[in-house]
Amino acid sequence: MKITFGCLVITAGICGVLSFAFLATSLGTDYWYIIETNPMNASDSEDMGSHSGLWRIYEEGKMYSVSIDSFNVNYSGYSATERRMLNMHVAIVVLLPLSLVLLLFGGICGLVSSLARSTVLLTCTASYFFICSLFTLCGASLYIVYSHQALAETERLVGQEGLAYIRTSFGWSLGLAWLSYGLELLTGVLLLIAAEKVKLRHSSPTMA
């Protein structure tokens, strides 16, 4: 079955829209990290816990805002580990929204390059999506490192006994970010294939 140029760019467009939607949903929801607590004297029906996103923390039904302002924070009051974690969180909340904004412009570039059927524009747009995926990859990976370091720091402060009845896991919001990353890569690959098809079409009369 021969795949046409139109089929390639339409599929790439759908993947691009889905990647934007998944990343936007990921950033707007608060299930990046889940903490489930079940103390020794509590039954399974009395599980207590929290879940958090990049901007908010929900603990026992109450919402707390995560306020990060790297320009106004007084770092002298924090330990080296806390400063490193603070810097990581700031990097995360910059990289992922930036990737979302870049995806929006990438969609516009993809539409223009597809209508123009330009090899150069299609190749540049594909490279642009690869750059977007790099921002998403860095942000999601950094969040995982940040979460592991936060757990390690908590364990250092309260000891292993204090975490004996605590279960932690990554939530579906982070999963959506990873799905967005994969779709960004797929969009770039499809646009590269479309660019190659245009190149072959333009060169075929000459070859003949």
N, C-alpha and C. Protein backbone atom coordinates (compact mmCIF):
# COMPACT_ATOMS: atom_id res chain seq x y z
N MET A 1 0.84 -1.20 0.00
CA MET A 1 0.00 0.00 0.00
C MET A 1 0.87 1.25 0.00
N LYS A 2 0.65 2.10 -0.97
CA LYS A 2 1.45 3.32 -1.10
C LYS A 2 0.88 4.43 -0.22
N ILE A 3 1.76 5.01 0.60
CA ILE A 3 1.35 6.09 1.48
C ILE A 3 1.54 7.42 0.75
N THR A 4 0.50 8.20 0.65
CA THR A 4 0.55 9.46 -0.09
C THR A 4 1.05 10.59 0.79
N PHE A 5 1.44 11.68 0.14
CA PHE A 5 1.89 12.88 0.86
C PHE A 5 0.78 13.41 1.76
N GLY A 6 -0.45 13.44 1.21
CA GLY A 6 -1.57 13.96 2.00
C GLY A 6 -1.82 13.15 3.26
N CYS A 7 -1.72 11.83 3.14
CA CYS A 7 -1.92 10.96 4.29
C CYS A 7 -0.86 11.20 5.35
N LEU A 8 0.37 11.43 4.91
CA LEU A 8 1.47 11.67 5.84
C LEU A 8 1.27 12.97 6.62
N VAL A 9 0.95 14.05 5.92
CA VAL A 9 0.83 15.33 6.60
C VAL A 9 -0.42 15.40 7.48
N ILE A 10 -1.49 14.72 7.07
CA ILE A 10 -2.70 14.68 7.91
C ILE A 10 -2.42 13.91 9.20
N THR A 11 -1.74 12.78 9.07
CA THR A 11 -1.38 11.99 10.25
C THR A 11 -0.44 12.77 11.16
N ALA A 12 0.52 13.47 10.54
CA ALA A 12 1.44 14.30 11.33
C ALA A 12 0.68 15.40 12.06
N GLY A 13 -0.32 15.98 11.37
CA GLY A 13 -1.12 17.03 12.00
C GLY A 13 -1.91 16.52 13.19
N ILE A 14 -2.49 15.31 13.03
CA ILE A 14 -3.25 14.72 14.13
C ILE A 14 -2.33 14.43 15.32
N CYS A 15 -1.15 13.90 15.03
CA CYS A 15 -0.18 13.61 16.10
C CYS A 15 0.25 14.90 16.79
N GLY A 16 0.45 15.97 16.01
CA GLY A 16 0.84 17.24 16.59
C GLY A 16 -0.23 17.82 17.50
N VAL A 17 -1.49 17.73 17.06
CA VAL A 17 -2.60 18.24 17.87
C VAL A 17 -2.73 17.43 19.16
N LEU A 18 -2.60 16.10 19.04
CA LEU A 18 -2.70 15.25 20.22
C LEU A 18 -1.56 15.51 21.20
N SER A 19 -0.37 15.72 20.68
CA SER A 19 0.77 15.99 21.56
C SER A 19 0.56 17.29 22.33
N PHE A 20 0.01 18.31 21.65
CA PHE A 20 -0.30 19.57 22.32
C PHE A 20 -1.37 19.37 23.39
N ALA A 21 -2.43 18.62 23.03
CA ALA A 21 -3.54 18.39 23.97
C ALA A 21 -3.08 17.60 25.19
N PHE A 22 -2.25 16.58 24.97
CA PHE A 22 -1.77 15.76 26.08
C PHE A 22 -0.88 16.58 27.02
N LEU A 23 0.01 17.39 26.43
CA LEU A 23 0.92 18.18 27.28
C LEU A 23 0.16 19.25 28.03
N ALA A 24 -0.82 19.89 27.36
CA ALA A 24 -1.63 20.91 28.04
C ALA A 24 -2.42 20.30 29.19
N THR A 25 -3.00 19.11 28.96
CA THR A 25 -3.74 18.42 30.02
C THR A 25 -2.81 18.02 31.15
N SER A 26 -1.62 17.58 30.79
CA SER A 26 -0.64 17.18 31.80
C SER A 26 -0.26 18.35 32.70
N LEU A 27 -0.02 19.50 32.10
CA LEU A 27 0.38 20.68 32.88
C LEU A 27 -0.77 21.21 33.73
N GLY A 28 -2.00 21.01 33.28
CA GLY A 28 -3.14 21.56 33.99
C GLY A 28 -3.73 20.64 35.05
N THR A 29 -3.24 19.41 35.15
CA THR A 29 -3.77 18.47 36.13
C THR A 29 -2.75 18.23 37.23
N ASP A 30 -3.20 17.59 38.30
CA ASP A 30 -2.39 17.49 39.51
C ASP A 30 -2.16 16.05 39.95
N TYR A 31 -1.88 15.19 38.99
CA TYR A 31 -1.59 13.80 39.31
C TYR A 31 -0.22 13.40 38.76
N TRP A 32 0.75 14.25 39.01
CA TRP A 32 2.12 13.95 38.63
C TRP A 32 2.74 12.99 39.63
N TYR A 33 2.45 13.22 40.89
CA TYR A 33 3.05 12.39 41.95
C TYR A 33 1.98 12.08 42.99
N ILE A 34 1.89 10.82 43.37
CA ILE A 34 0.85 10.37 44.29
C ILE A 34 1.49 9.77 45.54
N ILE A 35 1.02 10.19 46.71
CA ILE A 35 1.50 9.66 47.98
C ILE A 35 0.30 9.06 48.72
N GLU A 36 0.39 7.78 49.03
CA GLU A 36 -0.66 7.09 49.77
C GLU A 36 -0.13 6.71 51.15
N THR A 37 -0.86 7.07 52.18
CA THR A 37 -0.44 6.83 53.55
C THR A 37 -1.46 5.96 54.26
N ASN A 38 -0.97 4.90 54.88
CA ASN A 38 -1.84 4.01 55.65
C ASN A 38 -1.15 3.66 56.97
N PRO A 39 -1.38 4.48 58.00
CA PRO A 39 -0.74 4.21 59.30
C PRO A 39 -1.14 2.86 59.87
N MET A 40 -0.35 2.38 60.85
CA MET A 40 -0.56 1.06 61.41
C MET A 40 -1.93 0.92 62.08
N ASN A 41 -2.41 2.00 62.67
CA ASN A 41 -3.67 1.92 63.40
C ASN A 41 -4.87 2.32 62.55
N ALA A 42 -4.68 2.40 61.23
CA ALA A 42 -5.78 2.79 60.34
C ALA A 42 -6.17 1.62 59.47
N SER A 43 -7.44 1.53 59.15
CA SER A 43 -7.90 0.47 58.25
C SER A 43 -7.68 0.90 56.81
N ASP A 44 -7.87 -0.04 55.90
CA ASP A 44 -7.68 0.27 54.48
C ASP A 44 -8.63 1.36 54.01
N SER A 45 -9.80 1.43 54.64
CA SER A 45 -10.79 2.44 54.23
C SER A 45 -10.41 3.83 54.73
N GLU A 46 -9.40 3.91 55.60
CA GLU A 46 -9.00 5.20 56.15
C GLU A 46 -7.69 5.69 55.55
N ASP A 47 -7.37 5.19 54.37
CA ASP A 47 -6.14 5.63 53.71
C ASP A 47 -6.11 7.14 53.57
N MET A 48 -4.97 7.71 53.89
CA MET A 48 -4.78 9.15 53.75
C MET A 48 -3.62 9.35 52.78
N GLY A 49 -3.70 10.41 52.03
CA GLY A 49 -2.62 10.64 51.10
C GLY A 49 -2.76 11.98 50.41
N SER A 50 -1.93 12.17 49.41
CA SER A 50 -1.94 13.43 48.67
C SER A 50 -1.52 13.16 47.24
N HIS A 51 -1.84 14.10 46.38
CA HIS A 51 -1.34 14.06 45.01
C HIS A 51 -0.98 15.48 44.61
N SER A 52 -0.02 15.60 43.74
CA SER A 52 0.50 16.92 43.42
C SER A 52 0.75 17.07 41.93
N GLY A 53 0.74 18.33 41.49
CA GLY A 53 1.10 18.68 40.13
C GLY A 53 2.27 19.64 40.16
N LEU A 54 2.44 20.37 39.09
CA LEU A 54 3.55 21.34 39.04
C LEU A 54 3.22 22.61 39.78
N TRP A 55 1.92 22.88 39.98
CA TRP A 55 1.52 24.15 40.57
C TRP A 55 0.78 24.01 41.89
N ARG A 56 0.20 22.82 42.15
CA ARG A 56 -0.65 22.65 43.33
C ARG A 56 -0.38 21.31 44.00
N ILE A 57 -0.66 21.27 45.28
CA ILE A 57 -0.60 20.03 46.06
C ILE A 57 -1.95 19.84 46.75
N TYR A 58 -2.53 18.65 46.60
CA TYR A 58 -3.77 18.30 47.29
C TYR A 58 -3.45 17.31 48.40
N GLU A 59 -3.70 17.72 49.61
CA GLU A 59 -3.41 16.87 50.76
C GLU A 59 -4.66 16.75 51.63
N GLU A 60 -5.19 15.51 51.71
CA GLU A 60 -6.38 15.22 52.51
C GLU A 60 -7.54 16.15 52.13
N GLY A 61 -7.71 16.36 50.81
CA GLY A 61 -8.83 17.16 50.33
C GLY A 61 -8.59 18.66 50.32
N LYS A 62 -7.45 19.11 50.84
CA LYS A 62 -7.14 20.53 50.86
C LYS A 62 -6.08 20.86 49.80
N MET A 63 -6.25 22.01 49.16
CA MET A 63 -5.34 22.41 48.11
C MET A 63 -4.34 23.42 48.63
N TYR A 64 -3.07 23.23 48.23
CA TYR A 64 -2.01 24.17 48.57
C TYR A 64 -1.31 24.57 47.28
N SER A 65 -1.08 25.85 47.13
CA SER A 65 -0.39 26.33 45.93
C SER A 65 1.11 26.16 46.11
N VAL A 66 1.76 25.81 45.01
CA VAL A 66 3.21 25.73 45.00
C VAL A 66 3.72 27.01 44.38
N SER A 67 4.22 27.89 45.20
CA SER A 67 4.68 29.20 44.73
C SER A 67 6.19 29.18 44.56
N ILE A 68 6.64 29.34 43.32
CA ILE A 68 8.07 29.34 43.04
C ILE A 68 8.43 30.63 42.32
N ASP A 69 9.29 31.39 42.92
CA ASP A 69 9.80 32.61 42.29
C ASP A 69 11.31 32.63 42.48
N SER A 70 12.01 32.18 41.48
CA SER A 70 13.46 32.00 41.61
C SER A 70 14.19 33.31 41.77
N PHE A 71 13.56 34.42 41.41
CA PHE A 71 14.24 35.70 41.50
C PHE A 71 14.13 36.32 42.89
N ASN A 72 13.12 35.93 43.64
CA ASN A 72 12.90 36.53 44.96
C ASN A 72 13.21 35.59 46.13
N VAL A 73 13.58 34.35 45.83
CA VAL A 73 13.87 33.40 46.89
C VAL A 73 15.20 33.74 47.56
N ASN A 74 15.19 33.72 48.89
CA ASN A 74 16.41 33.94 49.66
C ASN A 74 17.08 32.58 49.87
N TYR A 75 18.09 32.29 49.06
CA TYR A 75 18.73 30.98 49.10
C TYR A 75 19.54 30.74 50.36
N SER A 76 19.84 31.78 51.11
CA SER A 76 20.66 31.61 52.32
C SER A 76 19.96 30.77 53.37
N GLY A 77 18.64 30.71 53.31
CA GLY A 77 17.89 29.94 54.30
C GLY A 77 17.72 28.48 53.94
N TYR A 78 18.31 28.04 52.82
CA TYR A 78 18.14 26.66 52.36
C TYR A 78 19.48 25.93 52.37
N SER A 79 19.39 24.61 52.54
CA SER A 79 20.59 23.79 52.44
C SER A 79 20.97 23.61 50.97
N ALA A 80 22.14 23.03 50.73
CA ALA A 80 22.59 22.82 49.35
C ALA A 80 21.63 21.92 48.59
N THR A 81 21.12 20.88 49.27
CA THR A 81 20.17 19.97 48.64
C THR A 81 18.87 20.67 48.31
N GLU A 82 18.39 21.49 49.25
CA GLU A 82 17.13 22.22 49.03
C GLU A 82 17.28 23.23 47.90
N ARG A 83 18.44 23.88 47.81
CA ARG A 83 18.67 24.83 46.71
C ARG A 83 18.68 24.12 45.37
N ARG A 84 19.32 22.94 45.35
CA ARG A 84 19.37 22.17 44.10
C ARG A 84 17.97 21.74 43.68
N MET A 85 17.17 21.30 44.63
CA MET A 85 15.81 20.88 44.31
C MET A 85 14.95 22.06 43.87
N LEU A 86 15.16 23.20 44.50
CA LEU A 86 14.42 24.40 44.11
C LEU A 86 14.75 24.79 42.68
N ASN A 87 16.03 24.73 42.34
CA ASN A 87 16.46 25.06 40.97
C ASN A 87 15.89 24.07 39.96
N MET A 88 15.83 22.79 40.35
CA MET A 88 15.26 21.79 39.45
C MET A 88 13.78 22.06 39.20
N HIS A 89 13.05 22.40 40.26
CA HIS A 89 11.62 22.67 40.09
C HIS A 89 11.39 23.89 39.19
N VAL A 90 12.22 24.91 39.37
CA VAL A 90 12.10 26.10 38.52
C VAL A 90 12.36 25.72 37.06
N ALA A 91 13.38 24.87 36.83
CA ALA A 91 13.68 24.44 35.46
C ALA A 91 12.52 23.67 34.86
N ILE A 92 11.88 22.82 35.67
CA ILE A 92 10.75 22.03 35.18
C ILE A 92 9.59 22.92 34.75
N VAL A 93 9.25 23.91 35.61
CA VAL A 93 8.08 24.76 35.31
C VAL A 93 8.40 25.78 34.22
N VAL A 94 9.65 25.82 33.77
CA VAL A 94 9.99 26.66 32.61
C VAL A 94 10.02 25.81 31.34
N LEU A 95 10.66 24.64 31.41
CA LEU A 95 10.85 23.80 30.23
C LEU A 95 9.53 23.29 29.65
N LEU A 96 8.65 22.76 30.50
CA LEU A 96 7.43 22.14 29.99
C LEU A 96 6.44 23.15 29.40
N PRO A 97 6.16 24.27 30.08
CA PRO A 97 5.30 25.27 29.42
C PRO A 97 5.92 25.85 28.15
N LEU A 98 7.27 25.99 28.14
CA LEU A 98 7.93 26.47 26.94
C LEU A 98 7.73 25.49 25.79
N SER A 99 7.82 24.20 26.09
CA SER A 99 7.58 23.19 25.07
C SER A 99 6.16 23.29 24.52
N LEU A 100 5.20 23.57 25.41
CA LEU A 100 3.80 23.71 24.98
C LEU A 100 3.63 24.89 24.02
N VAL A 101 4.26 26.01 24.34
CA VAL A 101 4.19 27.19 23.47
C VAL A 101 4.85 26.90 22.13
N LEU A 102 5.99 26.23 22.16
CA LEU A 102 6.69 25.89 20.91
C LEU A 102 5.85 24.96 20.04
N LEU A 103 5.12 24.06 20.68
CA LEU A 103 4.24 23.16 19.92
C LEU A 103 3.17 23.93 19.16
N LEU A 104 2.66 24.97 19.78
CA LEU A 104 1.63 25.79 19.13
C LEU A 104 2.17 26.42 17.85
N PHE A 105 3.37 27.00 17.94
CA PHE A 105 3.98 27.59 16.75
C PHE A 105 4.39 26.51 15.75
N GLY A 106 4.76 25.32 16.26
CA GLY A 106 5.11 24.22 15.37
C GLY A 106 3.94 23.78 14.52
N GLY A 107 2.74 23.82 15.11
CA GLY A 107 1.55 23.47 14.34
C GLY A 107 1.31 24.43 13.19
N ILE A 108 1.54 25.71 13.45
CA ILE A 108 1.38 26.73 12.40
C ILE A 108 2.41 26.50 11.29
N CYS A 109 3.66 26.24 11.70
CA CYS A 109 4.73 26.00 10.71
C CYS A 109 4.44 24.74 9.90
N GLY A 110 3.90 23.71 10.57
CA GLY A 110 3.58 22.48 9.87
C GLY A 110 2.49 22.69 8.83
N LEU A 111 1.48 23.48 9.16
CA LEU A 111 0.40 23.76 8.22
C LEU A 111 0.93 24.51 6.99
N VAL A 112 1.75 25.53 7.23
CA VAL A 112 2.30 26.33 6.13
C VAL A 112 3.20 25.49 5.24
N SER A 113 4.09 24.70 5.84
CA SER A 113 5.03 23.90 5.05
C SER A 113 4.31 22.80 4.26
N SER A 114 3.21 22.27 4.83
CA SER A 114 2.45 21.24 4.12
C SER A 114 1.72 21.82 2.91
N LEU A 115 1.13 23.00 3.10
CA LEU A 115 0.44 23.65 1.98
C LEU A 115 1.43 24.07 0.89
N ALA A 116 2.61 24.50 1.30
CA ALA A 116 3.62 24.93 0.33
C ALA A 116 4.30 23.76 -0.36
N ARG A 117 4.21 22.57 0.25
CA ARG A 117 4.88 21.37 -0.27
C ARG A 117 6.36 21.64 -0.50
N SER A 118 6.97 22.29 0.47
CA SER A 118 8.38 22.66 0.37
C SER A 118 9.23 21.68 1.16
N THR A 119 10.24 21.11 0.50
CA THR A 119 11.13 20.17 1.17
C THR A 119 11.87 20.84 2.32
N VAL A 120 12.35 22.05 2.07
CA VAL A 120 13.12 22.77 3.09
C VAL A 120 12.25 23.09 4.29
N LEU A 121 11.04 23.62 4.04
CA LEU A 121 10.15 23.99 5.14
C LEU A 121 9.70 22.76 5.94
N LEU A 122 9.41 21.67 5.24
CA LEU A 122 9.00 20.45 5.93
C LEU A 122 10.12 19.89 6.80
N THR A 123 11.34 19.93 6.26
CA THR A 123 12.49 19.44 7.02
C THR A 123 12.76 20.33 8.24
N CYS A 124 12.65 21.63 8.05
CA CYS A 124 12.85 22.56 9.17
C CYS A 124 11.77 22.38 10.24
N THR A 125 10.54 22.17 9.81
CA THR A 125 9.45 21.96 10.77
C THR A 125 9.65 20.66 11.53
N ALA A 126 10.11 19.62 10.84
CA ALA A 126 10.40 18.35 11.51
C ALA A 126 11.48 18.53 12.57
N SER A 127 12.53 19.27 12.21
CA SER A 127 13.60 19.55 13.18
C SER A 127 13.07 20.35 14.36
N TYR A 128 12.16 21.26 14.08
CA TYR A 128 11.53 22.08 15.12
C TYR A 128 10.79 21.19 16.12
N PHE A 129 10.07 20.19 15.61
CA PHE A 129 9.34 19.28 16.50
C PHE A 129 10.30 18.42 17.32
N PHE A 130 11.44 18.08 16.74
CA PHE A 130 12.44 17.33 17.50
C PHE A 130 12.98 18.18 18.66
N ILE A 131 13.13 19.48 18.41
CA ILE A 131 13.58 20.38 19.48
C ILE A 131 12.51 20.48 20.57
N CYS A 132 11.24 20.57 20.15
CA CYS A 132 10.14 20.59 21.13
C CYS A 132 10.17 19.34 21.99
N SER A 133 10.38 18.19 21.34
CA SER A 133 10.40 16.93 22.08
C SER A 133 11.56 16.90 23.07
N LEU A 134 12.66 17.56 22.73
CA LEU A 134 13.81 17.61 23.64
C LEU A 134 13.46 18.38 24.92
N PHE A 135 12.73 19.48 24.76
CA PHE A 135 12.29 20.25 25.94
C PHE A 135 11.36 19.40 26.81
N THR A 136 10.43 18.69 26.17
CA THR A 136 9.50 17.85 26.93
C THR A 136 10.24 16.72 27.63
N LEU A 137 11.19 16.11 26.92
CA LEU A 137 11.98 15.03 27.49
C LEU A 137 12.76 15.51 28.71
N CYS A 138 13.42 16.66 28.57
CA CYS A 138 14.21 17.21 29.68
C CYS A 138 13.33 17.54 30.88
N GLY A 139 12.17 18.15 30.62
CA GLY A 139 11.27 18.52 31.71
C GLY A 139 10.73 17.31 32.45
N ALA A 140 10.26 16.30 31.71
CA ALA A 140 9.70 15.09 32.33
C ALA A 140 10.78 14.29 33.06
N SER A 141 11.96 14.17 32.45
CA SER A 141 13.05 13.44 33.09
C SER A 141 13.52 14.15 34.36
N LEU A 142 13.60 15.46 34.29
CA LEU A 142 14.03 16.24 35.45
C LEU A 142 13.02 16.12 36.59
N TYR A 143 11.74 16.01 36.24
CA TYR A 143 10.73 15.84 37.28
C TYR A 143 10.91 14.51 38.01
N ILE A 144 11.27 13.46 37.28
CA ILE A 144 11.50 12.16 37.91
C ILE A 144 12.69 12.23 38.85
N VAL A 145 13.77 12.88 38.40
CA VAL A 145 14.96 13.04 39.25
C VAL A 145 14.61 13.86 40.48
N TYR A 146 13.86 14.94 40.26
CA TYR A 146 13.44 15.82 41.36
C TYR A 146 12.62 15.05 42.40
N SER A 147 11.70 14.22 41.94
CA SER A 147 10.84 13.46 42.86
C SER A 147 11.64 12.45 43.66
N HIS A 148 12.59 11.77 43.00
CA HIS A 148 13.42 10.80 43.71
C HIS A 148 14.29 11.49 44.77
N GLN A 149 14.81 12.66 44.43
CA GLN A 149 15.64 13.39 45.39
C GLN A 149 14.80 13.90 46.56
N ALA A 150 13.56 14.32 46.28
CA ALA A 150 12.67 14.78 47.35
C ALA A 150 12.36 13.63 48.30
N LEU A 151 12.12 12.43 47.74
CA LEU A 151 11.85 11.27 48.58
C LEU A 151 13.07 10.89 49.40
N ALA A 152 14.26 10.96 48.78
CA ALA A 152 15.49 10.63 49.49
C ALA A 152 15.74 11.62 50.63
N GLU A 153 15.46 12.90 50.38
CA GLU A 153 15.64 13.92 51.41
C GLU A 153 14.66 13.71 52.56
N THR A 154 13.41 13.33 52.23
CA THR A 154 12.42 13.05 53.27
C THR A 154 12.84 11.85 54.10
N GLU A 155 13.36 10.82 53.42
CA GLU A 155 13.83 9.64 54.14
C GLU A 155 14.99 9.97 55.06
N ARG A 156 15.86 10.87 54.62
CA ARG A 156 16.99 11.28 55.46
C ARG A 156 16.52 12.01 56.72
N LEU A 157 15.43 12.78 56.58
CA LEU A 157 14.93 13.57 57.70
C LEU A 157 14.12 12.74 58.69
N VAL A 158 13.28 11.82 58.19
CA VAL A 158 12.38 11.09 59.08
C VAL A 158 12.80 9.64 59.30
N GLY A 159 13.76 9.16 58.50
CA GLY A 159 14.20 7.78 58.63
C GLY A 159 13.29 6.82 57.87
N GLN A 160 13.78 5.60 57.66
CA GLN A 160 13.00 4.60 56.93
C GLN A 160 11.73 4.22 57.66
N GLU A 161 11.77 4.27 59.00
CA GLU A 161 10.57 3.92 59.76
C GLU A 161 9.43 4.89 59.48
N GLY A 162 9.77 6.17 59.28
CA GLY A 162 8.74 7.16 59.01
C GLY A 162 8.06 6.98 57.67
N LEU A 163 8.72 6.27 56.75
CA LEU A 163 8.16 6.04 55.42
C LEU A 163 7.64 4.62 55.25
N ALA A 164 7.60 3.87 56.34
CA ALA A 164 7.23 2.46 56.26
C ALA A 164 5.80 2.27 55.74
N TYR A 165 4.91 3.19 56.04
CA TYR A 165 3.51 3.06 55.65
C TYR A 165 3.12 4.07 54.57
N ILE A 166 4.12 4.49 53.82
CA ILE A 166 3.88 5.45 52.74
C ILE A 166 4.23 4.80 51.41
N ARG A 167 3.32 4.87 50.46
CA ARG A 167 3.55 4.37 49.11
C ARG A 167 3.54 5.55 48.13
N THR A 168 4.53 5.61 47.31
CA THR A 168 4.61 6.71 46.34
C THR A 168 4.62 6.15 44.92
N SER A 169 4.07 6.91 44.01
CA SER A 169 4.05 6.50 42.61
C SER A 169 3.86 7.74 41.73
N PHE A 170 4.25 7.61 40.48
CA PHE A 170 4.00 8.68 39.51
C PHE A 170 2.60 8.49 38.94
N GLY A 171 1.92 9.62 38.69
CA GLY A 171 0.54 9.57 38.24
C GLY A 171 0.38 9.70 36.74
N TRP A 172 -0.89 9.72 36.32
CA TRP A 172 -1.19 9.75 34.89
C TRP A 172 -0.87 11.09 34.24
N SER A 173 -0.75 12.14 35.02
CA SER A 173 -0.37 13.43 34.42
C SER A 173 1.03 13.35 33.82
N LEU A 174 1.95 12.70 34.55
CA LEU A 174 3.29 12.49 34.01
C LEU A 174 3.25 11.57 32.80
N GLY A 175 2.36 10.57 32.84
CA GLY A 175 2.22 9.67 31.70
C GLY A 175 1.78 10.41 30.44
N LEU A 176 0.90 11.39 30.60
CA LEU A 176 0.48 12.20 29.44
C LEU A 176 1.63 13.00 28.87
N ALA A 177 2.52 13.49 29.74
CA ALA A 177 3.69 14.22 29.26
C ALA A 177 4.59 13.32 28.42
N TRP A 178 4.75 12.06 28.86
CA TRP A 178 5.55 11.12 28.07
C TRP A 178 4.87 10.77 26.76
N LEU A 179 3.54 10.65 26.76
CA LEU A 179 2.82 10.41 25.51
C LEU A 179 3.01 11.57 24.54
N SER A 180 2.97 12.78 25.08
CA SER A 180 3.19 13.97 24.26
C SER A 180 4.58 13.93 23.64
N TYR A 181 5.56 13.53 24.42
CA TYR A 181 6.94 13.43 23.91
C TYR A 181 7.02 12.46 22.73
N GLY A 182 6.39 11.28 22.90
CA GLY A 182 6.42 10.31 21.82
C GLY A 182 5.72 10.80 20.56
N LEU A 183 4.61 11.49 20.73
CA LEU A 183 3.88 12.01 19.57
C LEU A 183 4.64 13.15 18.88
N GLU A 184 5.38 13.93 19.66
CA GLU A 184 6.21 14.98 19.05
C GLU A 184 7.28 14.36 18.16
N LEU A 185 7.90 13.29 18.65
CA LEU A 185 8.89 12.59 17.83
C LEU A 185 8.26 12.01 16.57
N LEU A 186 7.09 11.40 16.73
CA LEU A 186 6.40 10.80 15.59
C LEU A 186 6.01 11.86 14.56
N THR A 187 5.58 13.01 15.04
CA THR A 187 5.24 14.11 14.12
C THR A 187 6.45 14.53 13.30
N GLY A 188 7.59 14.66 13.97
CA GLY A 188 8.82 15.03 13.27
C GLY A 188 9.22 14.00 12.23
N VAL A 189 9.10 12.72 12.58
CA VAL A 189 9.47 11.65 11.64
C VAL A 189 8.55 11.66 10.42
N LEU A 190 7.25 11.81 10.64
CA LEU A 190 6.29 11.85 9.53
C LEU A 190 6.55 13.03 8.60
N LEU A 191 6.89 14.17 9.17
CA LEU A 191 7.19 15.34 8.34
C LEU A 191 8.48 15.13 7.53
N LEU A 192 9.44 14.45 8.12
CA LEU A 192 10.67 14.14 7.37
C LEU A 192 10.36 13.22 6.19
N ILE A 193 9.50 12.23 6.41
CA ILE A 193 9.12 11.32 5.31
C ILE A 193 8.36 12.10 4.24
N ALA A 194 7.49 13.00 4.66
CA ALA A 194 6.75 13.83 3.70
C ALA A 194 7.71 14.70 2.90
N ALA A 195 8.72 15.24 3.55
CA ALA A 195 9.73 16.06 2.85
C ALA A 195 10.48 15.23 1.82
N GLU A 196 10.78 13.99 2.17
CA GLU A 196 11.49 13.11 1.23
C GLU A 196 10.61 12.78 0.03
N LYS A 197 9.32 12.62 0.26
CA LYS A 197 8.40 12.34 -0.86
C LYS A 197 8.34 13.53 -1.83
N VAL A 198 8.30 14.74 -1.26
CA VAL A 198 8.29 15.94 -2.11
C VAL A 198 9.59 16.03 -2.90
N LYS A 199 10.70 15.72 -2.26
CA LYS A 199 12.01 15.77 -2.91
C LYS A 199 12.08 14.78 -4.07
N LEU A 200 11.58 13.56 -3.84
CA LEU A 200 11.59 12.55 -4.90
C LEU A 200 10.69 12.94 -6.05
N ARG A 201 9.55 13.54 -5.75
CA ARG A 201 8.61 13.97 -6.79
C ARG A 201 9.23 15.06 -7.67
N HIS A 202 9.97 15.98 -7.04
CA HIS A 202 10.59 17.06 -7.80
C HIS A 202 11.78 16.58 -8.62
N SER A 203 12.43 15.52 -8.14
CA SER A 203 13.61 15.05 -8.86
C SER A 203 13.28 14.01 -9.93
N SER A 204 12.10 13.40 -9.89
CA SER A 204 11.76 12.33 -10.83
C SER A 204 11.72 12.80 -12.29
N PRO A 205 11.21 14.00 -12.64
CA PRO A 205 11.24 14.42 -14.05
C PRO A 205 12.66 14.58 -14.56
N THR A 206 13.55 15.06 -13.70
CA THR A 206 14.94 15.26 -14.11
C THR A 206 15.60 13.94 -14.38
N MET A 207 15.31 12.96 -13.48
CA MET A 207 15.88 11.64 -13.64
C MET A 207 15.41 10.97 -14.93
N ALA A 208 14.15 11.25 -15.26
CA ALA A 208 13.60 10.67 -16.48
C ALA A 208 14.25 11.28 -17.70
